[in-house]
Amino acid sequence: MLIVCPHMQLGVDTVPVLIGPVSYLLLSKPAKGVERTFSLLSLLPKIIPIYKEVISELKAAGASWIQFDEPTLVLDLDSQQLQAFTAAYADLESTLSGLNVLIETYFADLTPEAYKTLIGLKGVTAYGLDLVRGTQTTDLVKKDFPKGKYLFAGVVDGRNIWANDLASSLSTLQALEAVVGKDKLVVSTSCSLLHTAVDLVNETKLDDEIKSWLAFAAQKVVEVNALAKALAGQKDEAFFSSNAAAQASRKSSPRVTNAAVQKAADALKGSDHRRATNVSARLDAQQKKLNLPILPTTTIGSFPQTVELRRVRREFKANKISEDDYVKAIKEEIKKVVNLQEELDIDVLVHGEPERNDMVEYFGEQLSGFAFTVNGWVQSYGSRCVKPPIIYGDVSRPKAMTVFWSSTAQSMTKRPMKGMLTGPVTILNWSFVRNDQPRFETCYQIALAIKDEVEDLEKAGINVIQIDEAALREGLPLRKSEHAFYLKWAVHSFRITNCGVKDTTQIHTHMCYSNFNDIIHSIIDMDADVITIENSRSDEKLLSVFREGVKYGAGIGPGVYDIHSPRIPSTEEIADRINKMLAVLETNILWVNPDCGLKTRKYEEVKPALNNMVAAAKQLRTKLASAK
């Protein structure tokens, strides 16, 4: 292995960053077929020699500092896991000799045991701590910090887009300087800047007041430098006073606060907002109205977004086509999607969401309290990037958002048409959220806005309404002690959205790509009538929870095929999947649907896959009827 560092060749003093050996193992998964009891940490002696080789080559290439990211130090670790850190760095100590070594942690507080382990690691020169999300870590530093070591103090938030409160950060840094020593305190971001947009300079359409409240990655680097200079006695008074003025404007701006919204959200705290009737009685009432077959078929919401469709939306946004032409084009697309589903003989239809760019941005654009960037892209996964909305103020819904399109689609068919909404928790977790009030308060405000939309859809004659909560699991805090509180307000927020509908209105939710087994009781507590949930992509792990005896009485549609693959599943393969589901779930609650929305697929993949899905459901209906 030959390492050539171009930054060093250019004369730039750079810090190579590696995932630390223990986090590398703790964040890995055992390969398929490996026993669940297999200890990942048993591989530590096998990977340490590789780390030694890489470190030696980085040394030879001229590195003077190396950073190891060990984010798993903030998790709930047992003594054996903590001991692995001690053992790993003791083994690396001689190889690290002559280098400055930074161990970086982020996203939460360290426990006192983890902090003690961290500051005791051999061969380590510096410790990086997240002092934004790790609010109690500062106290650990003040109680005990090893003499002669560096503290990389993460006071500038790397995970959000708000301007730093420089006066407050400087005060924190001055208190830490007294403990650590003037020459041993390094000003830093709380984590890497991967999670924030690149540069505010690129945002020419944001209004000046909101822009003054923000800092993207480039601005955060300027903040770090300004704080470091202020600490060294070279405070830029003009920069600090402009920052203080922006902080004050954000606190007092009338566009941030809506008294009516705050009052409505405060009033939520006295109730848990459950529907009056239990789910089995509701399902009976809904079946009388909807008259669905057993193993009803549906899709998750979106249909393929073609090049032509994207062009229409883009041209409408740029005022190149009239609103009439835009509406006509979208109606034609909806009609095409409705006709296709009827041809395929799907039972509960969707309108295909041709008018939507993104499942969060689409709603945020129609809610007050949201701002949008033009170039605020951040990496989501792999090469996929998203442009999260910015929630800067109290959230409300000025007018109906989806009723026109859902009603239009329902008028094209006699079959039930699902109203399609994104749930409050997902809107929250996929946005840059205001940091001047607790997240749950913002979530309750969004829930009330979605509740208004749900009730308007019901009034417009939409009898099946899906409220997607794709990101519910994603927001789960890293520490188990914080899980119960998060799940309580997240699940409550979902229930708020639909607690006012009639028994005959069927509420669906959808969740995708996560490990749901450890939160299955919270999912049940959401009290949806039907949940469609990813299952195929994760090798049907979801079904294991029902095999282990969890009782589920609502409708459920574990996905029968993976939509992230272009591969078209056969009728037999889908029937086999449904049979596995029938082994652990009651026939009368099972739905048949893909894992997720079809937006990223092509029609030549979607048509045969859905055709096979419907054929498999019909085949099993016949089989079940003859068995009776």
Foldseek 3Di string as FASTA:
>chain_A
DADADVCVVVVHQDEAEEADLLQVQVVDDDDPPDDPPDDSLVCLVVCLVVVLVVLLNVVVNPHQEYEHEDQCQQFPDDPVSLVSQQVSQVVCQVSLPRHAYEYEYADAAGDLSSVVSVQPHHNHAEYEAQCPRHVCNLVSLQVDHDARGAYAYAQAELQFWFDGLLVVSLVSQVSNCVRHPLVRYAYHHRDDNLNWFAALVQFPPDDPLVSLGTHHPVRSVVSSVQSNCVSVVNHPVVVNVSNVVSVVCLVPPPLAEDPVLLVVLVVLVVDLLAAPDALVVLVVLQCVVQVAAFQAEEAFAAAAADPVLVVLLVCVVVVNDDPVVSVVVLLVQQLVQLVLCVVLVHFEYESRPSNDDDQQVLVLVQKRQKDFGDRTWHDDDDNDIDGAIERSHQIAGPDARQQVVQLSSCVSDVGAYEAEHEALQQSLVRHNYHPPDDSLSNSLRVLVRLLVNVVVNVVSPRQEYEHEDQCLVVPQRSYPVCRVVSLSSRLSSLSSSHSPDDSNRAYEYEYEDDDCLVVVVSVLVSSHQEYEAEAVVVVNPVLVSLVVPDDHDHAYEHAQEELVDLDADALVSSLVVVVSNVVRHPSRRYYYYHRHHNHNYDPVSVSRNSSSSSVSSVVVSVVVVVVD
